[in-house]
Structures are given as C-alpha cells and as structure tokens.
C-alpha cells in the first residue's frame, strides 16, 4: 500500500466514524422543524456546497504546484480524525461519560 493509499484509507475510516456520530446525534434529538441544523435540506445543502468549494480549491492548489495530492490527503486524514475525536468526546459527554468509540 502506498502512502497516498494509506492516507485515503485513514480519511475514509475517520469520515465513516463522523457519519456514525452524526447519525447518533440525529437519532438522539430528531429535528422539530425544517430549519433545524439536522434537517435533510440543511444537511444536503451544506454538504453539496462544501464539496464544491473544497474540490475547486484543491484542484487549483495542485494545478499550481502549491501542494501535492499526498500532502492534501495527509491533512485531510488528520482533519477527519480530529472530527471523529470531537464527535466521540461530545457523544461521551451526552451519554453520561460512556466511552464512545466511533468506527
């Protein structure tokens, strides 16, 4: 496995764990109206726009030689792992200190 493949795997693993954390929060406190932060409309709009913005920026930075694809995935994996840890901490507090390990 190349370093880039390992970084991509780390990112996908952490992203899946974040997805599990979002699901736990949504199931614990379902939205009461369409303007809720966890309503399907708000979630989908936020995700779509974030993907458009990030993709455009990354393509530009790589094309200009400012960053490499490997450097990008290194930081992407770190960021996803930090988000996973934040969900684990927040959910552990919500569930009275129970140890939450998202996978």
N, C-alpha and C. Protein backbone atom coordinates (compact mmCIF):
# COMPACT_ATOMS: atom_id res chain seq x y z
N UNK A 1 0.84 -1.18 0.00
CA UNK A 1 0.00 0.00 0.00
C UNK A 1 0.89 1.24 0.00
N UNK A 2 0.60 2.18 -0.89
CA UNK A 2 1.38 3.42 -0.96
C UNK A 2 0.98 4.35 0.18
N UNK A 3 1.79 5.36 0.42
CA UNK A 3 1.45 6.33 1.46
C UNK A 3 0.14 7.04 1.11
N UNK A 4 -0.05 7.38 -0.17
CA UNK A 4 -1.28 8.04 -0.58
C UNK A 4 -2.48 7.14 -0.32
N UNK A 5 -2.37 5.86 -0.65
CA UNK A 5 -3.47 4.93 -0.39
C UNK A 5 -3.76 4.82 1.11
N UNK A 6 -2.71 4.81 1.92
CA UNK A 6 -2.90 4.75 3.37
C UNK A 6 -3.60 6.00 3.88
N UNK A 7 -3.21 7.17 3.35
CA UNK A 7 -3.86 8.42 3.76
C UNK A 7 -5.32 8.44 3.35
N UNK A 8 -5.61 7.95 2.15
CA UNK A 8 -7.00 7.89 1.69
C UNK A 8 -7.81 6.95 2.58
N UNK A 9 -7.22 5.82 2.96
CA UNK A 9 -7.90 4.87 3.85
C UNK A 9 -8.17 5.51 5.21
N UNK A 10 -7.17 6.22 5.76
CA UNK A 10 -7.37 6.90 7.04
C UNK A 10 -8.51 7.91 6.96
N UNK A 11 -8.54 8.67 5.88
CA UNK A 11 -9.60 9.66 5.71
C UNK A 11 -10.96 8.97 5.65
N UNK A 12 -11.09 7.94 4.85
CA UNK A 12 -12.39 7.25 4.72
C UNK A 12 -12.82 6.61 6.03
N UNK A 13 -11.88 6.07 6.78
CA UNK A 13 -12.20 5.46 8.08
C UNK A 13 -12.73 6.51 9.05
N UNK A 14 -12.05 7.65 9.12
CA UNK A 14 -12.50 8.72 10.02
C UNK A 14 -13.81 9.32 9.55
N UNK A 15 -13.99 9.47 8.23
CA UNK A 15 -15.24 10.02 7.70
C UNK A 15 -16.42 9.12 8.05
N UNK A 16 -16.21 7.82 7.98
CA UNK A 16 -17.27 6.88 8.34
C UNK A 16 -17.64 7.03 9.81
N UNK A 17 -16.63 7.20 10.65
CA UNK A 17 -16.89 7.39 12.08
C UNK A 17 -17.65 8.68 12.35
N UNK A 18 -17.31 9.75 11.63
CA UNK A 18 -18.04 11.01 11.76
C UNK A 18 -19.50 10.80 11.35
N UNK A 19 -19.71 10.04 10.27
CA UNK A 19 -21.07 9.74 9.83
C UNK A 19 -21.84 9.03 10.93
N UNK A 20 -21.21 8.12 11.63
CA UNK A 20 -21.87 7.42 12.73
C UNK A 20 -22.21 8.39 13.85
N UNK A 21 -21.32 9.35 14.12
CA UNK A 21 -21.59 10.35 15.15
C UNK A 21 -22.76 11.25 14.79
N UNK A 22 -22.84 11.66 13.54
CA UNK A 22 -23.96 12.48 13.08
C UNK A 22 -25.27 11.70 13.25
N UNK A 23 -25.25 10.43 12.86
CA UNK A 23 -26.45 9.60 12.99
C UNK A 23 -26.89 9.48 14.44
N UNK A 24 -25.92 9.31 15.34
CA UNK A 24 -26.27 9.21 16.77
C UNK A 24 -26.91 10.50 17.26
N UNK A 25 -26.34 11.64 16.88
CA UNK A 25 -26.92 12.92 17.30
C UNK A 25 -28.32 13.11 16.71
N UNK A 26 -28.50 12.74 15.45
CA UNK A 26 -29.81 12.91 14.81
C UNK A 26 -30.86 12.01 15.46
N UNK A 27 -30.48 10.80 15.80
CA UNK A 27 -31.42 9.87 16.40
C UNK A 27 -31.73 10.22 17.85
N UNK A 28 -30.78 10.85 18.51
CA UNK A 28 -30.98 11.23 19.90
C UNK A 28 -31.87 12.45 20.03
N UNK A 29 -31.79 13.36 19.08
CA UNK A 29 -32.55 14.61 19.15
C UNK A 29 -33.07 14.94 17.75
N UNK A 30 -34.15 14.27 17.32
CA UNK A 30 -34.63 14.50 15.95
C UNK A 30 -35.07 15.95 15.73
N UNK A 31 -34.91 16.42 14.50
CA UNK A 31 -35.29 17.81 14.22
C UNK A 31 -36.78 18.03 14.36
N UNK A 32 -37.14 19.20 14.85
CA UNK A 32 -38.56 19.52 15.03
C UNK A 32 -39.10 20.40 13.91
N UNK A 33 -38.22 20.98 13.11
CA UNK A 33 -38.70 21.80 12.00
C UNK A 33 -37.69 21.77 10.86
N UNK A 34 -38.09 22.25 9.69
CA UNK A 34 -37.25 22.15 8.50
C UNK A 34 -36.03 23.05 8.56
N UNK A 35 -35.97 24.00 9.49
CA UNK A 35 -34.81 24.88 9.60
C UNK A 35 -33.77 24.31 10.56
N UNK A 36 -34.05 23.15 11.16
CA UNK A 36 -33.11 22.53 12.08
C UNK A 36 -31.80 22.24 11.36
N UNK A 37 -30.71 22.33 12.10
CA UNK A 37 -29.39 22.06 11.52
C UNK A 37 -29.26 20.63 11.01
N UNK A 38 -30.09 19.72 11.51
CA UNK A 38 -30.01 18.33 11.06
C UNK A 38 -31.16 17.95 10.14
N UNK A 39 -31.89 18.95 9.63
CA UNK A 39 -32.94 18.63 8.65
C UNK A 39 -32.27 18.19 7.35
N UNK A 40 -32.90 17.29 6.61
CA UNK A 40 -32.28 16.83 5.36
C UNK A 40 -31.91 17.97 4.40
N UNK A 41 -32.75 18.97 4.31
CA UNK A 41 -32.47 20.09 3.39
C UNK A 41 -31.19 20.82 3.80
N UNK A 42 -31.08 21.13 5.09
CA UNK A 42 -29.91 21.88 5.56
C UNK A 42 -28.64 21.04 5.44
N UNK A 43 -28.73 19.78 5.79
CA UNK A 43 -27.56 18.91 5.69
C UNK A 43 -27.10 18.76 4.25
N UNK A 44 -28.03 18.49 3.36
CA UNK A 44 -27.66 18.27 1.95
C UNK A 44 -27.08 19.53 1.32
N UNK A 45 -27.67 20.67 1.59
CA UNK A 45 -27.17 21.92 1.04
C UNK A 45 -25.75 22.20 1.55
N UNK A 46 -25.54 22.03 2.84
CA UNK A 46 -24.22 22.27 3.41
C UNK A 46 -23.17 21.35 2.83
N UNK A 47 -23.50 20.08 2.71
CA UNK A 47 -22.56 19.10 2.18
C UNK A 47 -22.23 19.41 0.72
N UNK A 48 -23.24 19.66 -0.08
CA UNK A 48 -23.01 19.93 -1.50
C UNK A 48 -22.12 21.15 -1.71
N UNK A 49 -22.39 22.22 -1.00
CA UNK A 49 -21.60 23.43 -1.18
C UNK A 49 -20.18 23.27 -0.66
N UNK A 50 -20.01 22.57 0.44
CA UNK A 50 -18.66 22.32 0.96
C UNK A 50 -17.85 21.50 -0.03
N UNK A 51 -18.49 20.51 -0.65
CA UNK A 51 -17.79 19.67 -1.64
C UNK A 51 -17.37 20.49 -2.85
N UNK A 52 -18.24 21.35 -3.33
CA UNK A 52 -17.92 22.19 -4.48
C UNK A 52 -16.74 23.11 -4.16
N UNK A 53 -16.81 23.77 -3.02
CA UNK A 53 -15.76 24.71 -2.64
C UNK A 53 -14.42 24.02 -2.41
N UNK A 54 -14.43 22.93 -1.68
CA UNK A 54 -13.18 22.23 -1.40
C UNK A 54 -12.57 21.66 -2.67
N UNK A 55 -13.38 21.05 -3.49
CA UNK A 55 -12.86 20.46 -4.73
C UNK A 55 -12.21 21.50 -5.62
N UNK A 56 -12.85 22.64 -5.76
CA UNK A 56 -12.30 23.71 -6.60
C UNK A 56 -10.96 24.20 -6.05
N UNK A 57 -10.90 24.41 -4.76
CA UNK A 57 -9.66 24.92 -4.15
C UNK A 57 -8.53 23.90 -4.27
N UNK A 58 -8.81 22.65 -3.98
CA UNK A 58 -7.77 21.63 -4.05
C UNK A 58 -7.24 21.47 -5.48
N UNK A 59 -8.14 21.41 -6.45
CA UNK A 59 -7.69 21.29 -7.84
C UNK A 59 -6.80 22.45 -8.24
N UNK A 60 -7.16 23.64 -7.81
CA UNK A 60 -6.37 24.83 -8.13
C UNK A 60 -4.99 24.76 -7.47
N UNK A 61 -4.93 24.42 -6.20
CA UNK A 61 -3.65 24.37 -5.49
C UNK A 61 -2.72 23.30 -6.07
N UNK A 62 -3.28 22.15 -6.43
CA UNK A 62 -2.45 21.09 -7.03
C UNK A 62 -1.99 21.51 -8.42
N UNK A 63 -2.89 22.07 -9.22
CA UNK A 63 -2.53 22.51 -10.58
C UNK A 63 -1.43 23.56 -10.56
N UNK A 64 -1.42 24.43 -9.57
CA UNK A 64 -0.40 25.48 -9.48
C UNK A 64 0.88 24.99 -8.82
N UNK A 65 0.89 23.72 -8.39
CA UNK A 65 2.09 23.16 -7.77
C UNK A 65 2.33 23.64 -6.36
N UNK A 66 1.32 24.18 -5.72
CA UNK A 66 1.47 24.68 -4.35
C UNK A 66 1.45 23.54 -3.35
N UNK A 67 0.63 22.54 -3.60
CA UNK A 67 0.58 21.34 -2.76
C UNK A 67 0.56 20.12 -3.68
N UNK A 68 0.89 18.97 -3.09
CA UNK A 68 0.78 17.72 -3.83
C UNK A 68 -0.47 16.98 -3.37
N UNK A 69 -0.86 15.99 -4.15
CA UNK A 69 -2.02 15.19 -3.77
C UNK A 69 -1.76 14.47 -2.45
N UNK A 70 -0.54 14.01 -2.24
CA UNK A 70 -0.20 13.32 -0.99
C UNK A 70 -0.30 14.27 0.20
N UNK A 71 0.21 15.48 0.06
CA UNK A 71 0.10 16.46 1.14
C UNK A 71 -1.37 16.76 1.46
N UNK A 72 -2.17 16.86 0.43
CA UNK A 72 -3.60 17.11 0.61
C UNK A 72 -4.23 15.99 1.43
N UNK A 73 -3.96 14.75 1.05
CA UNK A 73 -4.57 13.63 1.77
C UNK A 73 -4.03 13.49 3.19
N UNK A 74 -2.78 13.88 3.41
CA UNK A 74 -2.23 13.87 4.77
C UNK A 74 -3.07 14.78 5.68
N UNK A 75 -3.30 16.01 5.22
CA UNK A 75 -4.08 16.95 6.01
C UNK A 75 -5.55 16.55 6.08
N UNK A 76 -6.09 15.99 5.02
CA UNK A 76 -7.48 15.54 5.00
C UNK A 76 -7.69 14.43 6.03
N UNK A 77 -6.76 13.47 6.08
CA UNK A 77 -6.85 12.39 7.06
C UNK A 77 -6.77 12.94 8.48
N UNK A 78 -5.84 13.86 8.73
CA UNK A 78 -5.72 14.46 10.07
C UNK A 78 -7.00 15.18 10.46
N UNK A 79 -7.56 15.93 9.54
CA UNK A 79 -8.79 16.68 9.83
C UNK A 79 -9.96 15.76 10.13
N UNK A 80 -10.11 14.69 9.35
CA UNK A 80 -11.21 13.76 9.58
C UNK A 80 -11.03 13.04 10.92
N UNK A 81 -9.80 12.71 11.27
CA UNK A 81 -9.54 12.05 12.54
C UNK A 81 -9.82 13.00 13.71
N UNK A 82 -9.52 14.27 13.55
CA UNK A 82 -9.84 15.25 14.60
C UNK A 82 -11.36 15.40 14.75
N UNK A 83 -12.08 15.40 13.65
CA UNK A 83 -13.55 15.49 13.70
C UNK A 83 -14.13 14.26 14.38
N UNK A 84 -13.59 13.09 14.07
CA UNK A 84 -14.02 11.85 14.72
C UNK A 84 -13.83 11.96 16.23
N UNK A 85 -12.66 12.42 16.66
CA UNK A 85 -12.37 12.55 18.09
C UNK A 85 -13.33 13.54 18.75
N UNK A 86 -13.65 14.62 18.06
CA UNK A 86 -14.59 15.60 18.62
C UNK A 86 -15.97 14.99 18.81
N UNK A 87 -16.43 14.20 17.83
CA UNK A 87 -17.72 13.52 17.97
C UNK A 87 -17.70 12.53 19.13
N UNK A 88 -16.61 11.78 19.26
CA UNK A 88 -16.51 10.81 20.35
C UNK A 88 -16.59 11.51 21.70
N UNK A 89 -15.88 12.63 21.83
CA UNK A 89 -15.88 13.37 23.09
C UNK A 89 -17.28 13.94 23.39
N UNK A 90 -17.88 14.57 22.39
CA UNK A 90 -19.20 15.17 22.58
C UNK A 90 -20.25 14.11 22.92
N UNK A 91 -20.23 12.99 22.20
CA UNK A 91 -21.20 11.92 22.45
C UNK A 91 -20.95 11.25 23.80
N UNK A 92 -19.70 11.12 24.20
CA UNK A 92 -19.40 10.55 25.51
C UNK A 92 -19.98 11.42 26.62
N UNK A 93 -19.86 12.74 26.48
CA UNK A 93 -20.46 13.65 27.46
C UNK A 93 -21.98 13.52 27.46
N UNK A 94 -22.57 13.44 26.27
CA UNK A 94 -24.02 13.37 26.15
C UNK A 94 -24.57 12.10 26.81
N UNK A 95 -23.80 11.02 26.73
CA UNK A 95 -24.26 9.75 27.28
C UNK A 95 -23.57 9.46 28.62
N UNK A 96 -23.54 10.50 29.46
CA UNK A 96 -23.09 10.38 30.86
C UNK A 96 -21.70 9.78 31.02
N UNK A 97 -20.79 10.16 30.18
CA UNK A 97 -19.41 9.72 30.31
C UNK A 97 -19.11 8.35 29.74
N UNK A 98 -20.09 7.71 29.10
CA UNK A 98 -19.83 6.41 28.47
C UNK A 98 -18.75 6.58 27.41
N UNK A 99 -17.85 5.63 27.32
CA UNK A 99 -16.77 5.69 26.32
C UNK A 99 -17.36 5.38 24.94
N UNK A 100 -17.34 6.36 24.05
CA UNK A 100 -17.85 6.19 22.69
C UNK A 100 -16.66 6.08 21.75
N UNK A 101 -16.58 4.97 21.04
CA UNK A 101 -15.56 4.75 20.02
C UNK A 101 -16.27 4.56 18.69
N UNK A 102 -16.22 5.58 17.85
CA UNK A 102 -16.88 5.50 16.55
C UNK A 102 -15.99 4.75 15.57
N UNK A 103 -16.59 3.87 14.81
CA UNK A 103 -15.84 3.11 13.80
C UNK A 103 -16.56 3.14 12.48
